[in-house]
C-alpha atoms as a PDB file:
ATOM      1  CA  MET A   1     -28.641  18.762  58.509  1.00  0.00           C
ATOM      2  CA  ALA A   2     -29.363  16.930  54.987  1.00  0.00           C
ATOM      3  CA  VAL A   3     -26.632  16.643  52.551  1.00  0.00           C
ATOM      4  CA  LEU A   4     -27.636  18.348  49.288  1.00  0.00           C
ATOM      5  CA  GLU A   5     -26.796  16.548  46.028  1.00  0.00           C
ATOM      6  CA  ILE A   6     -26.109  19.548  43.750  1.00  0.00           C
ATOM      7  CA  GLY A   7     -25.767  19.658  39.747  1.00  0.00           C
ATOM      8  CA  PHE A   8     -24.341  22.969  38.440  1.00  0.00           C
ATOM      9  CA  LEU A   9     -25.086  24.622  35.119  1.00  0.00           C
ATOM     10  CA  ALA A  10     -22.761  27.265  33.959  1.00  0.00           C
ATOM     11  CA  SER A  11     -21.894  28.983  30.836  1.00  0.00           C
ATOM     12  CA  HIS A  12     -18.651  31.112  31.783  1.00  0.00           C
ATOM     13  CA  GLY A  13     -16.472  31.078  34.777  1.00  0.00           C
ATOM     14  CA  GLY A  14     -18.994  29.738  37.329  1.00  0.00           C
ATOM     15  CA  THR A  15     -17.751  32.090  40.120  1.00  0.00           C
ATOM     16  CA  SER A  16     -20.415  31.218  42.621  1.00  0.00           C
ATOM     17  CA  MET A  17     -20.195  27.416  41.822  1.00  0.00           C
ATOM     18  CA  ARG A  18     -16.507  27.957  42.782  1.00  0.00           C
ATOM     19  CA  ALA A  19     -17.137  29.037  46.191  1.00  0.00           C
ATOM     20  CA  ILE A  20     -19.770  26.439  46.619  1.00  0.00           C
ATOM     21  CA  VAL A  21     -17.645  23.652  45.821  1.00  0.00           C
ATOM     22  CA  ALA A  22     -14.713  25.323  48.244  1.00  0.00           C
ATOM     23  CA  ALA A  23     -17.416  25.554  51.082  1.00  0.00           C
ATOM     24  CA  MET A  24     -18.120  21.825  50.427  1.00  0.00           C
ATOM     25  CA  ALA A  25     -14.318  21.007  50.548  1.00  0.00           C
ATOM     26  CA  SER A  26     -13.847  22.891  53.728  1.00  0.00           C
ATOM     27  CA  GLY A  27     -17.128  21.085  55.414  1.00  0.00           C
ATOM     28  CA  GLU A  28     -19.002  24.301  55.774  1.00  0.00           C
ATOM     29  CA  LEU A  29     -21.583  23.154  53.555  1.00  0.00           C
ATOM     30  CA  PRO A  30     -22.887  19.678  53.567  1.00  0.00           C
ATOM     31  CA  ALA A  31     -23.223  18.977  49.918  1.00  0.00           C
ATOM     32  CA  HIS A  32     -21.825  17.020  46.940  1.00  0.00           C
ATOM     33  CA  ALA A  33     -21.041  18.431  43.460  1.00  0.00           C
ATOM     34  CA  ARG A  34     -22.409  15.995  41.055  1.00  0.00           C
ATOM     35  CA  VAL A  35     -22.110  17.283  37.793  1.00  0.00           C
ATOM     36  CA  VAL A  36     -21.402  20.444  35.932  1.00  0.00           C
ATOM     37  CA  ILE A  37     -23.113  21.155  32.868  1.00  0.00           C
ATOM     38  CA  CYS A  38     -21.868  24.084  30.358  1.00  0.00           C
ATOM     39  CA  ASN A  39     -23.498  25.046  27.297  1.00  0.00           C
ATOM     40  CA  ASN A  40     -20.233  26.717  26.116  1.00  0.00           C
ATOM     41  CA  ALA A  41     -17.427  23.982  25.089  1.00  0.00           C
ATOM     42  CA  ASP A  42     -14.939  26.877  26.107  1.00  0.00           C
ATOM     43  CA  ALA A  43     -16.293  27.863  29.435  1.00  0.00           C
ATOM     44  CA  PRO A  44     -13.522  27.801  32.185  1.00  0.00           C
ATOM     45  CA  ALA A  45     -16.262  26.237  34.368  1.00  0.00           C
ATOM     46  CA  LEU A  46     -15.658  22.959  32.615  1.00  0.00           C
ATOM     47  CA  ALA A  47     -11.703  23.197  33.135  1.00  0.00           C
ATOM     48  CA  PHE A  48     -12.483  23.786  36.830  1.00  0.00           C
ATOM     49  CA  ALA A  49     -14.781  20.732  37.085  1.00  0.00           C
ATOM     50  CA  ARG A  50     -11.807  18.360  35.599  1.00  0.00           C
ATOM     51  CA  ASP A  51      -9.498  20.006  38.148  1.00  0.00           C
ATOM     52  CA  GLN A  52     -11.708  19.306  40.781  1.00  0.00           C
ATOM     53  CA  GLN A  53     -12.762  15.793  39.502  1.00  0.00           C
ATOM     54  CA  ILE A  54     -16.469  16.846  39.424  1.00  0.00           C
ATOM     55  CA  PRO A  55     -18.148  14.982  36.290  1.00  0.00           C
ATOM     56  CA  PHE A  56     -18.924  17.524  33.490  1.00  0.00           C
ATOM     57  CA  ARG A  57     -20.815  17.696  30.287  1.00  0.00           C
ATOM     58  CA  HIS A  58     -20.894  20.075  27.375  1.00  0.00           C
ATOM     59  CA  ILE A  59     -24.518  20.140  26.419  1.00  0.00           C
ATOM     60  CA  SER A  60     -26.220  22.675  24.050  1.00  0.00           C
ATOM     61  CA  ALA A  61     -28.612  22.814  21.059  1.00  0.00           C
ATOM     62  CA  LYS A  62     -25.868  22.527  18.698  1.00  0.00           C
ATOM     63  CA  THR A  63     -24.547  19.464  20.474  1.00  0.00           C
ATOM     64  CA  GLU A  64     -27.712  17.921  20.735  1.00  0.00           C
ATOM     65  CA  GLY A  65     -29.542  18.768  17.473  1.00  0.00           C
ATOM     66  CA  GLY A  66     -32.087  21.227  18.910  1.00  0.00           C
ATOM     67  CA  GLU A  67     -33.273  23.136  22.041  1.00  0.00           C
ATOM     68  CA  SER A  68     -35.605  20.231  23.101  1.00  0.00           C
ATOM     69  CA  ALA A  69     -33.054  17.680  22.639  1.00  0.00           C
ATOM     70  CA  ALA A  70     -30.849  19.689  24.595  1.00  0.00           C
ATOM     71  CA  ASP A  71     -33.231  19.919  27.386  1.00  0.00           C
ATOM     72  CA  ALA A  72     -33.614  16.217  27.627  1.00  0.00           C
ATOM     73  CA  ALA A  73     -29.994  15.712  27.512  1.00  0.00           C
ATOM     74  CA  ILE A  74     -29.660  18.241  30.538  1.00  0.00           C
ATOM     75  CA  CYS A  75     -32.241  16.644  32.423  1.00  0.00           C
ATOM     76  CA  GLY A  76     -30.846  13.310  31.890  1.00  0.00           C
ATOM     77  CA  ALA A  77     -27.449  14.060  32.934  1.00  0.00           C
ATOM     78  CA  LEU A  78     -28.621  15.731  35.981  1.00  0.00           C
ATOM     79  CA  GLU A  79     -30.688  12.660  36.701  1.00  0.00           C
ATOM     80  CA  ALA A  80     -27.960  10.400  36.293  1.00  0.00           C
ATOM     81  CA  SER A  81     -25.719  12.459  38.301  1.00  0.00           C
ATOM     82  CA  GLY A  82     -27.846  11.704  41.400  1.00  0.00           C
ATOM     83  CA  ALA A  83     -28.548  15.621  41.543  1.00  0.00           C
ATOM     84  CA  GLU A  84     -31.587  16.800  43.559  1.00  0.00           C
ATOM     85  CA  TRP A  85     -30.890  20.409  43.630  1.00  0.00           C
ATOM     86  CA  VAL A  86     -29.744  22.405  40.464  1.00  0.00           C
ATOM     87  CA  VAL A  87     -27.487  25.581  41.014  1.00  0.00           C
ATOM     88  CA  MET A  88     -27.326  27.856  37.985  1.00  0.00           C
ATOM     89  CA  SER A  89     -24.087  29.866  38.226  1.00  0.00           C
ATOM     90  CA  GLY A  90     -24.204  32.350  35.444  1.00  0.00           C
ATOM     91  CA  TYR A  91     -26.154  30.197  33.156  1.00  0.00           C
ATOM     92  CA  LEU A  92     -27.230  32.275  30.378  1.00  0.00           C
ATOM     93  CA  ARG A  93     -29.832  30.078  28.534  1.00  0.00           C
ATOM     94  CA  LYS A  94     -33.615  29.289  29.559  1.00  0.00           C
ATOM     95  CA  LEU A  95     -34.050  25.910  30.807  1.00  0.00           C
ATOM     96  CA  GLY A  96     -36.625  23.716  28.820  1.00  0.00           C
ATOM     97  CA  PRO A  97     -39.761  22.167  30.095  1.00  0.00           C
ATOM     98  CA  LYS A  98     -38.662  18.838  30.902  1.00  0.00           C
ATOM     99  CA  THR A  99     -35.588  19.960  33.284  1.00  0.00           C
ATOM    100  CA  LEU A 100     -38.170  22.475  34.754  1.00  0.00           C
ATOM    101  CA  LYS A 101     -40.643  20.096  35.434  1.00  0.00           C
ATOM    102  CA  ARG A 102     -38.239  17.210  36.728  1.00  0.00           C
ATOM    103  CA  TYR A 103     -36.709  19.870  39.507  1.00  0.00           C
ATOM    104  CA  ARG A 104     -39.324  22.190  40.069  1.00  0.00           C
ATOM    105  CA  GLY A 105     -38.949  23.927  43.176  1.00  0.00           C
ATOM    106  CA  ARG A 106     -35.410  22.991  43.512  1.00  0.00           C
ATOM    107  CA  ILE A 107     -33.603  25.131  40.690  1.00  0.00           C
ATOM    108  CA  LEU A 108     -31.734  27.951  42.070  1.00  0.00           C
ATOM    109  CA  ASN A 109     -30.353  31.113  40.426  1.00  0.00           C
ATOM    110  CA  ILE A 110     -28.676  34.051  41.567  1.00  0.00           C
ATOM    111  CA  HIS A 111     -28.995  37.535  40.213  1.00  0.00           C
ATOM    112  CA  PRO A 112     -27.211  40.636  40.978  1.00  0.00           C
ATOM    113  CA  ALA A 113     -29.991  42.961  41.759  1.00  0.00           C
ATOM    114  CA  LEU A 114     -32.937  43.214  43.954  1.00  0.00           C
ATOM    115  CA  LEU A 115     -35.503  41.271  42.138  1.00  0.00           C
ATOM    116  CA  PRO A 116     -38.193  42.021  40.822  1.00  0.00           C
ATOM    117  CA  LYS A 117     -36.537  45.120  39.764  1.00  0.00           C
ATOM    118  CA  PHE A 118     -33.871  44.899  37.121  1.00  0.00           C
ATOM    119  CA  GLY A 119     -34.719  41.578  35.899  1.00  0.00           C
ATOM    120  CA  GLY A 120     -35.613  39.646  32.595  1.00  0.00           C
ATOM    121  CA  GLN A 121     -34.151  38.995  29.413  1.00  0.00           C
ATOM    122  CA  GLY A 122     -30.722  41.039  28.552  1.00  0.00           C
ATOM    123  CA  MET A 123     -30.206  41.824  32.403  1.00  0.00           C
ATOM    124  CA  TYR A 124     -26.986  40.408  33.384  1.00  0.00           C
ATOM    125  CA  GLY A 125     -23.643  41.273  34.303  1.00  0.00           C
ATOM    126  CA  ARG A 126     -22.779  45.078  33.854  1.00  0.00           C
ATOM    127  CA  ASN A 127     -26.198  45.856  32.200  1.00  0.00           C
ATOM    128  CA  VAL A 128     -28.101  45.238  35.586  1.00  0.00           C
ATOM    129  CA  HIS A 129     -25.659  47.460  37.449  1.00  0.00           C
ATOM    130  CA  ALA A 130     -25.956  50.167  34.747  1.00  0.00           C
ATOM    131  CA  ALA A 131     -29.732  49.909  34.809  1.00  0.00           C
ATOM    132  CA  VAL A 132     -29.559  50.434  38.913  1.00  0.00           C
ATOM    133  CA  ILE A 133     -26.987  53.543  38.618  1.00  0.00           C
ATOM    134  CA  ALA A 134     -29.398  55.098  35.737  1.00  0.00           C
ATOM    135  CA  ALA A 135     -32.487  54.618  37.971  1.00  0.00           C
ATOM    136  CA  GLY A 136     -30.642  56.535  41.068  1.00  0.00           C
ATOM    137  CA  ASP A 137     -31.480  53.697  43.358  1.00  0.00           C
ATOM    138  CA  PRO A 138     -29.661  54.118  46.772  1.00  0.00           C
ATOM    139  CA  THR A 139     -29.705  50.014  47.142  1.00  0.00           C
ATOM    140  CA  SER A 140     -28.736  47.285  45.198  1.00  0.00           C
ATOM    141  CA  GLY A 141     -28.127  43.941  45.870  1.00  0.00           C
ATOM    142  CA  ILE A 142     -28.395  40.049  45.470  1.00  0.00           C
ATOM    143  CA  THR A 143     -31.454  37.704  44.946  1.00  0.00           C
ATOM    144  CA  VAL A 144     -31.404  33.910  45.044  1.00  0.00           C
ATOM    145  CA  HIS A 145     -34.469  32.722  43.601  1.00  0.00           C
ATOM    146  CA  LEU A 146     -36.433  29.690  42.175  1.00  0.00           C
ATOM    147  CA  VAL A 147     -36.234  29.348  38.497  1.00  0.00           C
ATOM    148  CA  ASP A 148     -39.314  29.064  36.290  1.00  0.00           C
ATOM    149  CA  GLU A 149     -40.372  29.415  32.529  1.00  0.00           C
ATOM    150  CA  GLU A 150     -39.219  33.318  32.496  1.00  0.00           C
ATOM    151  CA  TYR A 151     -35.994  35.119  33.250  1.00  0.00           C
ATOM    152  CA  ASP A 152     -35.514  36.355  36.857  1.00  0.00           C
ATOM    153  CA  HIS A 153     -39.109  35.486  37.615  1.00  0.00           C
ATOM    154  CA  GLY A 154     -39.577  32.732  40.157  1.00  0.00           C
ATOM    155  CA  GLU A 155     -40.079  32.872  44.054  1.00  0.00           C
ATOM    156  CA  ILE A 156     -37.449  34.826  45.827  1.00  0.00           C
ATOM    157  CA  ILE A 157     -35.631  32.688  48.534  1.00  0.00           C
ATOM    158  CA  ALA A 158     -33.543  35.212  49.945  1.00  0.00           C
ATOM    159  CA  GLN A 159     -32.123  38.469  49.368  1.00  0.00           C
ATOM    160  CA  HIS A 160     -28.979  40.612  50.459  1.00  0.00           C
ATOM    161  CA  THR A 161     -28.723  44.748  50.200  1.00  0.00           C
ATOM    162  CA  VAL A 162     -25.534  46.291  48.920  1.00  0.00           C
ATOM    163  CA  PRO A 163     -25.398  50.157  49.135  1.00  0.00           C
ATOM    164  CA  VAL A 164     -25.091  52.023  45.660  1.00  0.00           C
ATOM    165  CA  LEU A 165     -22.225  54.730  46.847  1.00  0.00           C
ATOM    166  CA  PRO A 166     -22.415  58.523  45.630  1.00  0.00           C
ATOM    167  CA  GLY A 167     -20.389  58.644  42.658  1.00  0.00           C
ATOM    168  CA  ASP A 168     -20.740  54.781  41.665  1.00  0.00           C
ATOM    169  CA  SER A 169     -20.059  53.665  38.459  1.00  0.00           C
ATOM    170  CA  ALA A 170     -21.721  50.814  37.077  1.00  0.00           C
ATOM    171  CA  ASP A 171     -18.116  48.919  37.352  1.00  0.00           C
ATOM    172  CA  ASP A 172     -17.952  49.973  40.953  1.00  0.00           C
ATOM    173  CA  LEU A 173     -21.290  48.376  41.947  1.00  0.00           C
ATOM    174  CA  GLN A 174     -20.725  45.444  40.097  1.00  0.00           C
ATOM    175  CA  ALA A 175     -17.414  44.814  41.919  1.00  0.00           C
ATOM    176  CA  ARG A 176     -19.157  45.342  45.372  1.00  0.00           C
ATOM    177  CA  VAL A 177     -22.127  42.950  44.325  1.00  0.00           C
ATOM    178  CA  THR A 178     -19.947  40.319  42.952  1.00  0.00           C
ATOM    179  CA  ALA A 179     -17.798  40.195  45.776  1.00  0.00           C
ATOM    180  CA  ALA A 180     -20.752  39.685  48.095  1.00  0.00           C
ATOM    181  CA  GLU A 181     -22.450  36.862  45.843  1.00  0.00           C
ATOM    182  CA  PRO A 182     -20.342  33.766  46.494  1.00  0.00           C
ATOM    183  CA  GLN A 183     -20.802  33.729  50.269  1.00  0.00           C
ATOM    184  CA  PHE A 184     -24.357  34.620  50.057  1.00  0.00           C
ATOM    185  CA  PHE A 185     -25.462  31.688  47.877  1.00  0.00           C
ATOM    186  CA  VAL A 186     -23.253  29.411  50.175  1.00  0.00           C
ATOM    187  CA  ASP A 187     -25.427  30.727  52.976  1.00  0.00           C
ATOM    188  CA  VAL A 188     -28.621  30.283  51.364  1.00  0.00           C
ATOM    189  CA  LEU A 189     -27.744  26.738  50.643  1.00  0.00           C
ATOM    190  CA  LYS A 190     -26.632  25.958  54.104  1.00  0.00           C
ATOM    191  CA  SER A 191     -30.210  27.571  55.213  1.00  0.00           C
ATOM    192  CA  LEU A 192     -31.720  24.999  52.805  1.00  0.00           C
ATOM    193  CA  ALA A 193     -29.788  22.006  54.165  1.00  0.00           C
ATOM    194  CA  ALA A 194     -31.071  22.767  57.525  1.00  0.00           C
ATOM    195  CA  ARG A 195     -34.797  22.102  56.318  1.00  0.00           C
ATOM    196  CA  PRO A 196     -34.356  19.005  54.291  1.00  0.00           C
ATOM    197  CA  SER A 197     -38.117  17.737  54.454  1.00  0.00           C
ATOM    198  CA  ARG A 198     -39.364  20.432  52.323  1.00  0.00           C
ATOM    199  CA  ALA A 199     -38.607  22.224  49.072  1.00  0.00           C
ATOM    200  CA  PRO A 200     -38.315  25.997  49.274  1.00  0.00           C
END
């Protein structure tokens, strides 16, 4: 089983990132956290990285003077850290062409619905679960997918279903999906570590 060298991108708390780092620490997941990059200077994910002694960077269009420069800085920071995989943990910005090209086929995102339904711009957090409830779908779930130039569009790697129960509110469904996300992401990464010779 290979050891995954992972760089994380987060905008806020980085819930899945925290579970993945914990799985690394316990020996459940053969991986190293190489860097945490946030576009938000106040992101709790940065404080977490500091506490865990993981290298971290605050990089945004504002700090770098534009989207293209931010893309170059993100790509450079990931490369300098030794990251071979990129995990997006609640990162709400589109990645730029330089980062996408360098890590093509190795950038993973987790989405709180069964793509290709309920994806795209603006479909994050509670918005996703409200849309599922409004559609009357009996099942929702989680998707881990590769990241490309479009929101929630890349190749699906794995999915996990979560039932929509009678009388569920968007908040009820969100709580159930959110509770299942971290371990599912860990399990997907474990499966990738078991097939190191090829990208997903």
